[in-house]
Amino acid sequence: MDRKIIIADDHFVVRLGTTLILESHYKDVKISYAESYTDLTDKLLVETFNLLILDINMPESKYLSMIGELKKIQPDLKILVFSVYDNDIAVQYIIEGADGYINKLCDENNILEAVENIFETGTYYSPDIVKKLVSSVKKEIPINPLEVLSEREKEIFDLLIKGYGNIEISNELNLHLSTVSTYKARVYKKLNIKNTVDLVRLGDKNQTHKYK
């Protein structure tokens, strides 16, 4: 599968370093660049990408409003925010619709983990960010997960809202990764949710669940 990634960052060193990391791991990756918000939107209007790695401090940045605007241009585009800001800021961008967040101070393995998770599952949120979401998101969704999920699906649901990724769930429940992905897809379908933000909102609404 060809992977088309656009890196939006005005720092050459960041673009180069990120490219070298990605190209060392993915042999089928095609990487493009944007050095400003206008440059980014112009390129999204003429070419389709799978993933945007977005520096929120680049020239002409519109900060939070960028996420919705970029999703309007390419609704299926996955957006991974790449910034030096802390998790409190990250949560704001995730609520706006970003599909993941990593700090620029992270190591190579963390970058690859985030990108791989987005390609495989559509999102990447660290356990710390999920905990922040749990404490900040208060929107009500009138679904009780206990009423629609099987016992195994409830286990998956509980671990997801605690911030566990697919690998951690696989280890915790002694399931194959493919099985975890199948159960996760069922949970999302039964609860009519599309991302981790909706998942956290359900967990917040249904206080039967206790979080770490």
N, C-alpha and C. Protein backbone atom coordinates (compact mmCIF):
# COMPACT_ATOMS: atom_id res chain seq x y z
N MET A 1 0.84 -1.20 0.00
CA MET A 1 0.00 0.00 0.00
C MET A 1 0.87 1.25 0.00
N ASP A 2 0.64 2.14 -0.95
CA ASP A 2 1.37 3.39 -0.99
C ASP A 2 0.89 4.31 0.13
N ARG A 3 1.84 4.92 0.80
CA ARG A 3 1.51 5.86 1.86
C ARG A 3 1.97 7.25 1.43
N LYS A 4 1.04 8.18 1.40
CA LYS A 4 1.36 9.54 0.99
C LYS A 4 1.23 10.45 2.21
N ILE A 5 2.35 11.01 2.61
CA ILE A 5 2.43 11.84 3.82
C ILE A 5 2.88 13.24 3.43
N ILE A 6 2.26 14.25 4.03
CA ILE A 6 2.73 15.62 3.86
C ILE A 6 3.14 16.16 5.23
N ILE A 7 4.34 16.69 5.31
CA ILE A 7 4.86 17.25 6.55
C ILE A 7 4.77 18.77 6.44
N ALA A 8 3.99 19.38 7.32
CA ALA A 8 3.82 20.84 7.32
C ALA A 8 4.60 21.43 8.48
N ASP A 9 5.77 21.96 8.16
CA ASP A 9 6.67 22.51 9.19
C ASP A 9 7.64 23.46 8.49
N ASP A 10 7.89 24.60 9.11
CA ASP A 10 8.76 25.58 8.47
C ASP A 10 10.24 25.38 8.79
N HIS A 11 10.57 24.37 9.57
CA HIS A 11 11.96 24.11 9.92
C HIS A 11 12.51 22.96 9.07
N PHE A 12 13.54 23.28 8.30
CA PHE A 12 14.14 22.29 7.40
C PHE A 12 14.64 21.07 8.17
N VAL A 13 15.27 21.28 9.31
CA VAL A 13 15.83 20.18 10.08
C VAL A 13 14.74 19.21 10.54
N VAL A 14 13.59 19.75 10.95
CA VAL A 14 12.48 18.91 11.37
C VAL A 14 11.95 18.10 10.19
N ARG A 15 11.78 18.74 9.06
CA ARG A 15 11.29 18.04 7.88
C ARG A 15 12.25 16.93 7.46
N LEU A 16 13.54 17.26 7.44
CA LEU A 16 14.54 16.28 7.03
C LEU A 16 14.62 15.12 8.01
N GLY A 17 14.68 15.43 9.30
CA GLY A 17 14.79 14.37 10.30
C GLY A 17 13.59 13.44 10.30
N THR A 18 12.40 14.02 10.19
CA THR A 18 11.19 13.20 10.16
C THR A 18 11.15 12.34 8.90
N THR A 19 11.56 12.91 7.79
CA THR A 19 11.60 12.16 6.53
C THR A 19 12.54 10.96 6.63
N LEU A 20 13.72 11.17 7.17
CA LEU A 20 14.70 10.09 7.29
C LEU A 20 14.16 8.96 8.16
N ILE A 21 13.47 9.31 9.23
CA ILE A 21 12.88 8.29 10.12
C ILE A 21 11.82 7.49 9.38
N LEU A 22 10.94 8.19 8.67
CA LEU A 22 9.85 7.51 7.97
C LEU A 22 10.36 6.66 6.82
N GLU A 23 11.31 7.19 6.06
CA GLU A 23 11.82 6.44 4.91
C GLU A 23 12.64 5.23 5.33
N SER A 24 13.19 5.26 6.54
CA SER A 24 13.94 4.09 7.02
C SER A 24 13.00 2.96 7.41
N HIS A 25 11.73 3.29 7.67
CA HIS A 25 10.76 2.29 8.13
C HIS A 25 9.80 1.87 7.03
N TYR A 26 9.39 2.81 6.18
CA TYR A 26 8.44 2.53 5.11
C TYR A 26 9.13 2.63 3.75
N LYS A 27 9.10 1.56 3.00
CA LYS A 27 9.72 1.56 1.68
C LYS A 27 8.80 2.12 0.61
N ASP A 28 7.50 2.18 0.92
CA ASP A 28 6.51 2.62 -0.07
C ASP A 28 5.96 4.01 0.23
N VAL A 29 6.70 4.79 1.01
CA VAL A 29 6.19 6.09 1.43
C VAL A 29 6.56 7.18 0.42
N LYS A 30 5.64 8.10 0.20
CA LYS A 30 5.89 9.28 -0.62
C LYS A 30 5.65 10.50 0.26
N ILE A 31 6.67 11.33 0.41
CA ILE A 31 6.60 12.45 1.35
C ILE A 31 6.68 13.79 0.61
N SER A 32 5.75 14.67 0.94
CA SER A 32 5.75 16.03 0.42
C SER A 32 5.87 17.00 1.60
N TYR A 33 6.06 18.29 1.27
CA TYR A 33 6.30 19.28 2.32
C TYR A 33 5.48 20.54 2.09
N ALA A 34 5.19 21.20 3.21
CA ALA A 34 4.58 22.53 3.17
C ALA A 34 5.26 23.36 4.26
N GLU A 35 5.59 24.62 3.93
CA GLU A 35 6.32 25.45 4.88
C GLU A 35 5.45 26.53 5.50
N SER A 36 4.20 26.64 5.07
CA SER A 36 3.27 27.60 5.64
C SER A 36 1.86 27.05 5.50
N TYR A 37 0.91 27.67 6.17
CA TYR A 37 -0.48 27.19 6.10
C TYR A 37 -1.05 27.36 4.69
N THR A 38 -0.74 28.47 4.04
CA THR A 38 -1.23 28.68 2.68
C THR A 38 -0.63 27.64 1.73
N ASP A 39 0.65 27.38 1.90
CA ASP A 39 1.32 26.36 1.09
C ASP A 39 0.65 25.00 1.30
N LEU A 40 0.30 24.70 2.55
CA LEU A 40 -0.35 23.43 2.86
C LEU A 40 -1.72 23.32 2.21
N THR A 41 -2.55 24.33 2.36
CA THR A 41 -3.90 24.25 1.79
C THR A 41 -3.85 24.18 0.27
N ASP A 42 -2.92 24.91 -0.33
CA ASP A 42 -2.79 24.86 -1.79
C ASP A 42 -2.48 23.44 -2.25
N LYS A 43 -1.61 22.76 -1.54
CA LYS A 43 -1.22 21.40 -1.94
C LYS A 43 -2.34 20.40 -1.69
N LEU A 44 -3.09 20.60 -0.60
CA LEU A 44 -4.20 19.68 -0.32
C LEU A 44 -5.32 19.81 -1.35
N LEU A 45 -5.42 20.97 -1.96
CA LEU A 45 -6.47 21.19 -2.97
C LEU A 45 -6.18 20.46 -4.27
N VAL A 46 -4.92 20.10 -4.51
CA VAL A 46 -4.58 19.48 -5.79
C VAL A 46 -4.06 18.05 -5.66
N GLU A 47 -3.78 17.62 -4.43
CA GLU A 47 -3.25 16.26 -4.26
C GLU A 47 -3.81 15.65 -2.97
N THR A 48 -4.14 14.36 -3.02
CA THR A 48 -4.70 13.65 -1.88
C THR A 48 -3.59 12.97 -1.08
N PHE A 49 -3.67 13.09 0.25
CA PHE A 49 -2.70 12.48 1.14
C PHE A 49 -3.39 11.59 2.17
N ASN A 50 -2.65 10.61 2.68
CA ASN A 50 -3.18 9.75 3.74
C ASN A 50 -3.00 10.39 5.11
N LEU A 51 -1.86 11.09 5.28
CA LEU A 51 -1.50 11.61 6.60
C LEU A 51 -0.84 12.97 6.49
N LEU A 52 -1.24 13.87 7.38
CA LEU A 52 -0.60 15.17 7.54
C LEU A 52 0.08 15.20 8.90
N ILE A 53 1.38 15.47 8.90
CA ILE A 53 2.11 15.70 10.15
C ILE A 53 2.23 17.21 10.29
N LEU A 54 1.54 17.77 11.27
CA LEU A 54 1.26 19.21 11.31
C LEU A 54 1.94 19.91 12.49
N ASP A 55 2.79 20.87 12.15
CA ASP A 55 3.33 21.80 13.15
C ASP A 55 2.33 22.94 13.30
N ILE A 56 1.77 23.12 14.48
CA ILE A 56 0.72 24.13 14.66
C ILE A 56 1.28 25.54 14.78
N ASN A 57 2.60 25.67 14.82
CA ASN A 57 3.22 26.99 14.92
C ASN A 57 3.86 27.47 13.63
N MET A 58 3.55 26.84 12.50
CA MET A 58 4.15 27.27 11.24
C MET A 58 3.58 28.62 10.81
N PRO A 59 4.27 29.31 9.87
CA PRO A 59 3.77 30.62 9.41
C PRO A 59 2.33 30.56 8.90
N GLU A 60 1.56 31.61 9.21
CA GLU A 60 0.16 31.77 8.82
C GLU A 60 -0.76 30.78 9.53
N SER A 61 -0.25 30.16 10.58
CA SER A 61 -1.06 29.19 11.32
C SER A 61 -2.36 29.81 11.82
N LYS A 62 -3.44 29.05 11.74
CA LYS A 62 -4.72 29.47 12.30
C LYS A 62 -5.05 28.67 13.56
N TYR A 63 -4.06 27.94 14.04
CA TYR A 63 -4.17 27.17 15.27
C TYR A 63 -5.40 26.26 15.28
N LEU A 64 -6.25 26.34 16.28
CA LEU A 64 -7.34 25.35 16.42
C LEU A 64 -8.24 25.29 15.19
N SER A 65 -8.51 26.43 14.58
CA SER A 65 -9.44 26.43 13.45
C SER A 65 -8.87 25.71 12.23
N MET A 66 -7.55 25.47 12.22
CA MET A 66 -6.95 24.77 11.07
C MET A 66 -7.52 23.38 10.90
N ILE A 67 -7.75 22.69 12.00
CA ILE A 67 -8.14 21.28 11.92
C ILE A 67 -9.44 21.12 11.13
N GLY A 68 -10.46 21.88 11.48
CA GLY A 68 -11.72 21.80 10.76
C GLY A 68 -11.60 22.23 9.31
N GLU A 69 -10.81 23.26 9.05
CA GLU A 69 -10.63 23.74 7.68
C GLU A 69 -9.93 22.69 6.82
N LEU A 70 -8.92 22.06 7.37
CA LEU A 70 -8.18 21.05 6.61
C LEU A 70 -9.03 19.80 6.36
N LYS A 71 -9.86 19.44 7.34
CA LYS A 71 -10.74 18.28 7.16
C LYS A 71 -11.82 18.55 6.12
N LYS A 72 -12.20 19.81 5.97
CA LYS A 72 -13.17 20.15 4.93
C LYS A 72 -12.57 19.97 3.54
N ILE A 73 -11.28 20.28 3.42
CA ILE A 73 -10.61 20.13 2.13
C ILE A 73 -10.46 18.65 1.79
N GLN A 74 -10.01 17.85 2.77
CA GLN A 74 -9.85 16.41 2.58
C GLN A 74 -10.42 15.68 3.79
N PRO A 75 -11.69 15.32 3.76
CA PRO A 75 -12.35 14.70 4.92
C PRO A 75 -11.67 13.43 5.44
N ASP A 76 -11.03 12.66 4.56
CA ASP A 76 -10.40 11.41 4.98
C ASP A 76 -8.95 11.60 5.43
N LEU A 77 -8.45 12.81 5.39
CA LEU A 77 -7.07 13.08 5.78
C LEU A 77 -6.89 12.86 7.29
N LYS A 78 -5.88 12.09 7.66
CA LYS A 78 -5.53 11.91 9.07
C LYS A 78 -4.53 12.99 9.46
N ILE A 79 -4.76 13.63 10.59
CA ILE A 79 -3.90 14.73 11.03
C ILE A 79 -3.20 14.36 12.34
N LEU A 80 -1.88 14.30 12.28
CA LEU A 80 -1.05 14.05 13.46
C LEU A 80 -0.37 15.36 13.83
N VAL A 81 -0.78 15.95 14.95
CA VAL A 81 -0.17 17.20 15.41
C VAL A 81 1.21 16.90 15.99
N PHE A 82 2.19 17.67 15.55
CA PHE A 82 3.59 17.48 15.94
C PHE A 82 4.07 18.80 16.52
N SER A 83 4.16 18.88 17.85
CA SER A 83 4.35 20.17 18.49
C SER A 83 5.15 20.05 19.78
N VAL A 84 5.61 21.19 20.28
CA VAL A 84 6.33 21.20 21.56
C VAL A 84 5.39 21.49 22.73
N TYR A 85 4.12 21.76 22.43
CA TYR A 85 3.17 22.07 23.49
C TYR A 85 2.83 20.83 24.31
N ASP A 86 2.32 21.05 25.54
CA ASP A 86 2.04 19.94 26.43
C ASP A 86 0.67 19.32 26.12
N ASN A 87 0.30 18.32 26.92
CA ASN A 87 -0.92 17.55 26.66
C ASN A 87 -2.20 18.36 26.79
N ASP A 88 -2.18 19.42 27.60
CA ASP A 88 -3.38 20.25 27.73
C ASP A 88 -3.74 20.90 26.39
N ILE A 89 -2.72 21.35 25.68
CA ILE A 89 -2.94 21.92 24.35
C ILE A 89 -3.32 20.82 23.36
N ALA A 90 -2.67 19.68 23.48
CA ALA A 90 -2.96 18.56 22.58
C ALA A 90 -4.43 18.17 22.63
N VAL A 91 -5.00 18.14 23.83
CA VAL A 91 -6.40 17.77 24.00
C VAL A 91 -7.32 18.71 23.22
N GLN A 92 -6.99 20.00 23.22
CA GLN A 92 -7.83 20.95 22.49
C GLN A 92 -7.86 20.64 20.99
N TYR A 93 -6.72 20.25 20.46
CA TYR A 93 -6.66 19.93 19.03
C TYR A 93 -7.36 18.60 18.73
N ILE A 94 -7.28 17.67 19.65
CA ILE A 94 -7.97 16.39 19.46
C ILE A 94 -9.48 16.59 19.47
N ILE A 95 -9.96 17.43 20.38
CA ILE A 95 -11.39 17.72 20.43
C ILE A 95 -11.85 18.39 19.13
N GLU A 96 -10.98 19.19 18.53
CA GLU A 96 -11.29 19.84 17.26
C GLU A 96 -11.30 18.87 16.09
N GLY A 97 -10.71 17.66 16.28
CA GLY A 97 -10.74 16.66 15.22
C GLY A 97 -9.41 16.09 14.80
N ALA A 98 -8.30 16.50 15.44
CA ALA A 98 -7.00 15.91 15.13
C ALA A 98 -7.01 14.44 15.49
N ASP A 99 -6.30 13.63 14.72
CA ASP A 99 -6.33 12.18 14.91
C ASP A 99 -5.19 11.66 15.78
N GLY A 100 -4.30 12.55 16.19
CA GLY A 100 -3.22 12.13 17.05
C GLY A 100 -2.33 13.30 17.42
N TYR A 101 -1.46 13.07 18.40
CA TYR A 101 -0.54 14.11 18.86
C TYR A 101 0.74 13.46 19.34
N ILE A 102 1.89 14.05 18.93
CA ILE A 102 3.17 13.67 19.51
C ILE A 102 3.98 14.93 19.76
N ASN A 103 4.81 14.87 20.78
CA ASN A 103 5.66 15.99 21.14
C ASN A 103 6.94 15.95 20.32
N LYS A 104 7.42 17.11 19.89
CA LYS A 104 8.64 17.15 19.09
C LYS A 104 9.88 16.68 19.86
N LEU A 105 9.76 16.57 21.17
CA LEU A 105 10.88 16.10 21.96
C LEU A 105 10.91 14.57 22.07
N CYS A 106 9.95 13.91 21.43
CA CYS A 106 9.88 12.44 21.52
C CYS A 106 11.00 11.80 20.71
N ASP A 107 11.20 10.50 20.90
CA ASP A 107 12.25 9.81 20.19
C ASP A 107 11.72 9.19 18.89
N GLU A 108 12.63 8.59 18.14
CA GLU A 108 12.30 7.99 16.84
C GLU A 108 11.22 6.93 16.96
N ASN A 109 11.31 6.09 17.98
CA ASN A 109 10.33 5.00 18.15
C ASN A 109 8.93 5.55 18.37
N ASN A 110 8.83 6.66 19.10
CA ASN A 110 7.52 7.24 19.37
C ASN A 110 6.89 7.79 18.08
N ILE A 111 7.70 8.40 17.22
CA ILE A 111 7.20 8.89 15.94
C ILE A 111 6.67 7.74 15.10
N LEU A 112 7.47 6.67 15.01
CA LEU A 112 7.05 5.52 14.21
C LEU A 112 5.80 4.86 14.79
N GLU A 113 5.73 4.78 16.12
CA GLU A 113 4.56 4.18 16.77
C GLU A 113 3.30 4.99 16.44
N ALA A 114 3.42 6.31 16.51
CA ALA A 114 2.27 7.17 16.23
C ALA A 114 1.80 7.02 14.79
N VAL A 115 2.74 7.08 13.85
CA VAL A 115 2.38 6.96 12.44
C VAL A 115 1.79 5.59 12.14
N GLU A 116 2.40 4.54 12.68
CA GLU A 116 1.91 3.18 12.44
C GLU A 116 0.50 3.00 12.99
N ASN A 117 0.25 3.53 14.19
CA ASN A 117 -1.08 3.42 14.78
C ASN A 117 -2.13 4.14 13.95
N ILE A 118 -1.78 5.30 13.41
CA ILE A 118 -2.74 6.03 12.60
C ILE A 118 -3.03 5.27 11.31
N PHE A 119 -2.01 4.69 10.70
CA PHE A 119 -2.24 3.90 9.49
C PHE A 119 -3.08 2.65 9.78
N GLU A 120 -2.88 2.04 10.95
CA GLU A 120 -3.58 0.79 11.27
C GLU A 120 -4.96 1.02 11.85
N THR A 121 -5.10 1.99 12.75
CA THR A 121 -6.36 2.16 13.48
C THR A 121 -7.04 3.50 13.25
N GLY A 122 -6.32 4.45 12.65
CA GLY A 122 -6.91 5.76 12.38
C GLY A 122 -6.61 6.82 13.41
N THR A 123 -6.07 6.43 14.58
CA THR A 123 -5.78 7.41 15.63
C THR A 123 -4.52 7.03 16.40
N TYR A 124 -3.97 8.03 17.08
CA TYR A 124 -2.90 7.76 18.05
C TYR A 124 -3.01 8.76 19.19
N TYR A 125 -3.40 8.27 20.37
CA TYR A 125 -3.45 9.09 21.57
C TYR A 125 -2.73 8.35 22.68
N SER A 126 -1.79 9.00 23.31
CA SER A 126 -1.07 8.36 24.41
C SER A 126 -2.00 8.20 25.61
N PRO A 127 -1.69 7.28 26.53
CA PRO A 127 -2.52 7.12 27.73
C PRO A 127 -2.68 8.42 28.51
N ASP A 128 -1.63 9.25 28.58
CA ASP A 128 -1.73 10.52 29.31
C ASP A 128 -2.75 11.46 28.67
N ILE A 129 -2.77 11.48 27.34
CA ILE A 129 -3.73 12.34 26.65
C ILE A 129 -5.15 11.82 26.83
N VAL A 130 -5.33 10.51 26.81
CA VAL A 130 -6.67 9.95 27.04
C VAL A 130 -7.16 10.34 28.43
N LYS A 131 -6.28 10.31 29.42
CA LYS A 131 -6.67 10.70 30.78
C LYS A 131 -7.08 12.17 30.82
N LYS A 132 -6.36 13.00 30.06
CA LYS A 132 -6.73 14.42 29.98
C LYS A 132 -8.11 14.57 29.34
N LEU A 133 -8.38 13.77 28.32
CA LEU A 133 -9.68 13.81 27.67
C LEU A 133 -10.79 13.41 28.63
N VAL A 134 -10.51 12.39 29.42
CA VAL A 134 -11.50 11.91 30.39
C VAL A 134 -11.91 13.03 31.34
N SER A 135 -10.95 13.85 31.74
CA SER A 135 -11.24 14.90 32.72
C SER A 135 -11.77 16.18 32.09
N SER A 136 -11.64 16.33 30.77
CA SER A 136 -12.02 17.59 30.14
C SER A 136 -13.28 17.52 29.28
N VAL A 137 -13.62 16.32 28.78
CA VAL A 137 -14.77 16.21 27.87
C VAL A 137 -16.03 15.89 28.67
N LYS A 138 -17.07 16.70 28.51
CA LYS A 138 -18.29 16.53 29.29
C LYS A 138 -19.55 16.38 28.45
N LYS A 139 -19.40 16.29 27.14
CA LYS A 139 -20.57 16.19 26.26
C LYS A 139 -21.34 14.90 26.52
N GLU A 140 -22.65 15.00 26.56
CA GLU A 140 -23.48 13.83 26.83
C GLU A 140 -23.82 13.09 25.54
N ILE A 141 -23.70 11.77 25.57
CA ILE A 141 -24.14 10.92 24.47
C ILE A 141 -25.04 9.84 25.07
N PRO A 142 -26.31 9.76 24.69
CA PRO A 142 -27.27 8.90 25.37
C PRO A 142 -27.15 7.42 25.00
N ILE A 143 -25.98 6.84 25.27
CA ILE A 143 -25.80 5.41 25.05
C ILE A 143 -25.12 4.82 26.27
N ASN A 144 -25.66 3.74 26.77
CA ASN A 144 -25.01 3.02 27.87
C ASN A 144 -24.29 1.82 27.28
N PRO A 145 -22.94 1.83 27.28
CA PRO A 145 -22.21 0.72 26.64
C PRO A 145 -22.50 -0.63 27.27
N LEU A 146 -22.93 -0.65 28.53
CA LEU A 146 -23.22 -1.91 29.20
C LEU A 146 -24.42 -2.61 28.57
N GLU A 147 -25.25 -1.84 27.88
CA GLU A 147 -26.48 -2.41 27.32
C GLU A 147 -26.29 -3.01 25.92
N VAL A 148 -25.23 -2.64 25.24
CA VAL A 148 -25.09 -3.06 23.85
C VAL A 148 -23.86 -3.91 23.58
N LEU A 149 -22.92 -3.96 24.53
CA LEU A 149 -21.67 -4.68 24.29
C LEU A 149 -21.67 -6.06 24.95
N SER A 150 -20.98 -6.99 24.30
CA SER A 150 -20.76 -8.30 24.91
C SER A 150 -19.73 -8.15 26.05
N GLU A 151 -19.55 -9.23 26.83
CA GLU A 151 -18.61 -9.16 27.95
C GLU A 151 -17.20 -8.85 27.46
N ARG A 152 -16.77 -9.52 26.38
CA ARG A 152 -15.42 -9.27 25.85
C ARG A 152 -15.32 -7.85 25.31
N GLU A 153 -16.37 -7.37 24.65
CA GLU A 153 -16.36 -6.01 24.12
C GLU A 153 -16.31 -4.98 25.25
N LYS A 154 -16.97 -5.29 26.37
CA LYS A 154 -16.89 -4.39 27.53
C LYS A 154 -15.46 -4.31 28.05
N GLU A 155 -14.76 -5.45 28.05
CA GLU A 155 -13.36 -5.46 28.48
C GLU A 155 -12.51 -4.58 27.57
N ILE A 156 -12.74 -4.71 26.28
CA ILE A 156 -12.01 -3.88 25.31
C ILE A 156 -12.34 -2.41 25.53
N PHE A 157 -13.62 -2.11 25.71
CA PHE A 157 -14.07 -0.74 25.94
C PHE A 157 -13.37 -0.15 27.17
N ASP A 158 -13.37 -0.90 28.27
CA ASP A 158 -12.75 -0.42 29.50
C ASP A 158 -11.27 -0.11 29.33
N LEU A 159 -10.58 -0.98 28.62
CA LEU A 159 -9.14 -0.77 28.41
C LEU A 159 -8.88 0.40 27.47
N LEU A 160 -9.73 0.57 26.47
CA LEU A 160 -9.57 1.70 25.54
C LEU A 160 -9.70 3.04 26.26
N ILE A 161 -10.69 3.16 27.15
CA ILE A 161 -10.88 4.43 27.83
C ILE A 161 -9.85 4.66 28.93
N LYS A 162 -9.09 3.61 29.26
CA LYS A 162 -7.96 3.78 30.17
C LYS A 162 -6.70 4.20 29.43
N GLY A 163 -6.78 4.23 28.09
CA GLY A 163 -5.65 4.67 27.30
C GLY A 163 -4.81 3.56 26.72
N TYR A 164 -5.27 2.31 26.83
CA TYR A 164 -4.51 1.19 26.29
C TYR A 164 -4.56 1.22 24.76
N GLY A 165 -3.42 0.93 24.13
CA GLY A 165 -3.37 0.74 22.69
C GLY A 165 -3.62 -0.72 22.35
N ASN A 166 -3.63 -1.03 21.06
CA ASN A 166 -3.91 -2.40 20.62
C ASN A 166 -2.92 -3.40 21.18
N ILE A 167 -1.65 -3.03 21.22
CA ILE A 167 -0.63 -3.95 21.71
C ILE A 167 -0.83 -4.22 23.20
N GLU A 168 -1.10 -3.15 23.97
CA GLU A 168 -1.32 -3.32 25.41
C GLU A 168 -2.56 -4.17 25.69
N ILE A 169 -3.61 -3.97 24.92
CA ILE A 169 -4.83 -4.78 25.08
C ILE A 169 -4.54 -6.24 24.75
N SER A 170 -3.78 -6.45 23.68
CA SER A 170 -3.40 -7.81 23.28
C SER A 170 -2.66 -8.52 24.40
N ASN A 171 -1.73 -7.82 25.04
CA ASN A 171 -0.97 -8.41 26.14
C ASN A 171 -1.84 -8.63 27.38
N GLU A 172 -2.69 -7.66 27.66
CA GLU A 172 -3.54 -7.73 28.86
C GLU A 172 -4.54 -8.87 28.79
N LEU A 173 -5.14 -9.07 27.62
CA LEU A 173 -6.20 -10.07 27.47
C LEU A 173 -5.73 -11.34 26.77
N ASN A 174 -4.44 -11.37 26.44
CA ASN A 174 -3.86 -12.54 25.76
C ASN A 174 -4.60 -12.85 24.46
N LEU A 175 -4.77 -11.80 23.63
CA LEU A 175 -5.44 -11.94 22.34
C LEU A 175 -4.48 -11.56 21.22
N HIS A 176 -4.69 -12.12 20.05
CA HIS A 176 -3.92 -11.71 18.89
C HIS A 176 -4.27 -10.26 18.53
N LEU A 177 -3.31 -9.55 17.94
CA LEU A 177 -3.55 -8.17 17.55
C LEU A 177 -4.72 -8.05 16.58
N SER A 178 -4.82 -8.99 15.66
CA SER A 178 -5.91 -8.96 14.69
C SER A 178 -7.27 -9.11 15.38
N THR A 179 -7.29 -9.93 16.44
CA THR A 179 -8.53 -10.13 17.20
C THR A 179 -8.91 -8.85 17.94
N VAL A 180 -7.91 -8.19 18.51
CA VAL A 180 -8.16 -6.92 19.20
C VAL A 180 -8.73 -5.89 18.22
N SER A 181 -8.16 -5.82 17.03
CA SER A 181 -8.65 -4.88 16.02
C SER A 181 -10.09 -5.17 15.65
N THR A 182 -10.44 -6.46 15.55
CA THR A 182 -11.81 -6.85 15.22
C THR A 182 -12.77 -6.42 16.31
N TYR A 183 -12.41 -6.70 17.57
CA TYR A 183 -13.27 -6.31 18.69
C TYR A 183 -13.41 -4.79 18.77
N LYS A 184 -12.30 -4.08 18.56
CA LYS A 184 -12.35 -2.62 18.62
C LYS A 184 -13.29 -2.06 17.56
N ALA A 185 -13.24 -2.62 16.36
CA ALA A 185 -14.14 -2.19 15.29
C ALA A 185 -15.60 -2.45 15.67
N ARG A 186 -15.86 -3.60 16.32
CA ARG A 186 -17.23 -3.91 16.76
C ARG A 186 -17.72 -2.90 17.80
N VAL A 187 -16.84 -2.57 18.74
CA VAL A 187 -17.19 -1.61 19.79
C VAL A 187 -17.56 -0.27 19.15
N TYR A 188 -16.73 0.20 18.23
CA TYR A 188 -17.00 1.48 17.58
C TYR A 188 -18.32 1.44 16.81
N LYS A 189 -18.57 0.32 16.13
CA LYS A 189 -19.79 0.21 15.34
C LYS A 189 -21.03 0.17 16.23
N LYS A 190 -20.99 -0.65 17.30
CA LYS A 190 -22.15 -0.78 18.18
C LYS A 190 -22.46 0.53 18.91
N LEU A 191 -21.42 1.29 19.26
CA LEU A 191 -21.63 2.53 20.00
C LEU A 191 -21.80 3.72 19.07
N ASN A 192 -21.69 3.46 17.75
CA ASN A 192 -21.85 4.51 16.76
C ASN A 192 -20.88 5.67 17.00
N ILE A 193 -19.61 5.32 17.22
CA ILE A 193 -18.58 6.33 17.44
C ILE A 193 -17.51 6.18 16.37
N LYS A 194 -16.74 7.25 16.18
CA LYS A 194 -15.74 7.25 15.11
C LYS A 194 -14.31 7.41 15.61
N ASN A 195 -14.14 7.89 16.86
CA ASN A 195 -12.78 8.17 17.33
C ASN A 195 -12.71 8.09 18.84
N THR A 196 -11.49 8.30 19.35
CA THR A 196 -11.26 8.18 20.79
C THR A 196 -11.95 9.27 21.59
N VAL A 197 -12.14 10.44 20.99
CA VAL A 197 -12.85 11.51 21.69
C VAL A 197 -14.27 11.07 22.03
N ASP A 198 -14.98 10.49 21.05
CA ASP A 198 -16.33 9.99 21.30
C ASP A 198 -16.32 8.88 22.35
N LEU A 199 -15.29 8.03 22.29
CA LEU A 199 -15.16 6.94 23.25
C LEU A 199 -15.04 7.49 24.67
N VAL A 200 -14.20 8.51 24.84
CA VAL A 200 -13.99 9.11 26.15
C VAL A 200 -15.26 9.78 26.65
N ARG A 201 -15.99 10.40 25.74
CA ARG A 201 -17.25 11.03 26.13
C ARG A 201 -18.23 10.00 26.67
N LEU A 202 -18.26 8.84 26.06
CA LEU A 202 -19.12 7.77 26.56
C LEU A 202 -18.68 7.32 27.94
N GLY A 203 -17.36 7.19 28.11
CA GLY A 203 -16.85 6.78 29.41
C GLY A 203 -17.16 7.80 30.48
N ASP A 204 -17.12 9.09 30.10
CA ASP A 204 -17.43 10.15 31.04
C ASP A 204 -18.92 10.15 31.40
N LYS A 205 -19.76 9.87 30.40
CA LYS A 205 -21.20 9.85 30.62
C LYS A 205 -21.61 8.68 31.52
N ASN A 206 -20.98 7.54 31.32
CA ASN A 206 -21.37 6.34 32.06
C ASN A 206 -20.37 6.08 33.17
N GLN A 207 -20.69 6.55 34.34
CA GLN A 207 -19.74 6.54 35.44
C GLN A 207 -19.58 5.17 36.08
N THR A 208 -20.18 4.16 35.45
CA THR A 208 -19.96 2.79 35.91
C THR A 208 -18.50 2.43 35.79
N HIS A 209 -17.81 3.05 34.80
CA HIS A 209 -16.42 2.73 34.53
C HIS A 209 -15.50 3.58 35.36
N LYS A 210 -14.46 3.00 35.88
CA LYS A 210 -13.46 3.71 36.65
C LYS A 210 -12.16 3.70 35.85
N TYR A 211 -11.52 4.85 35.85
CA TYR A 211 -10.31 5.00 35.04
C TYR A 211 -9.07 5.00 35.91
N LYS A 212 -7.98 4.58 35.33
CA LYS A 212 -6.68 4.69 36.01
C LYS A 212 -6.23 6.13 36.01
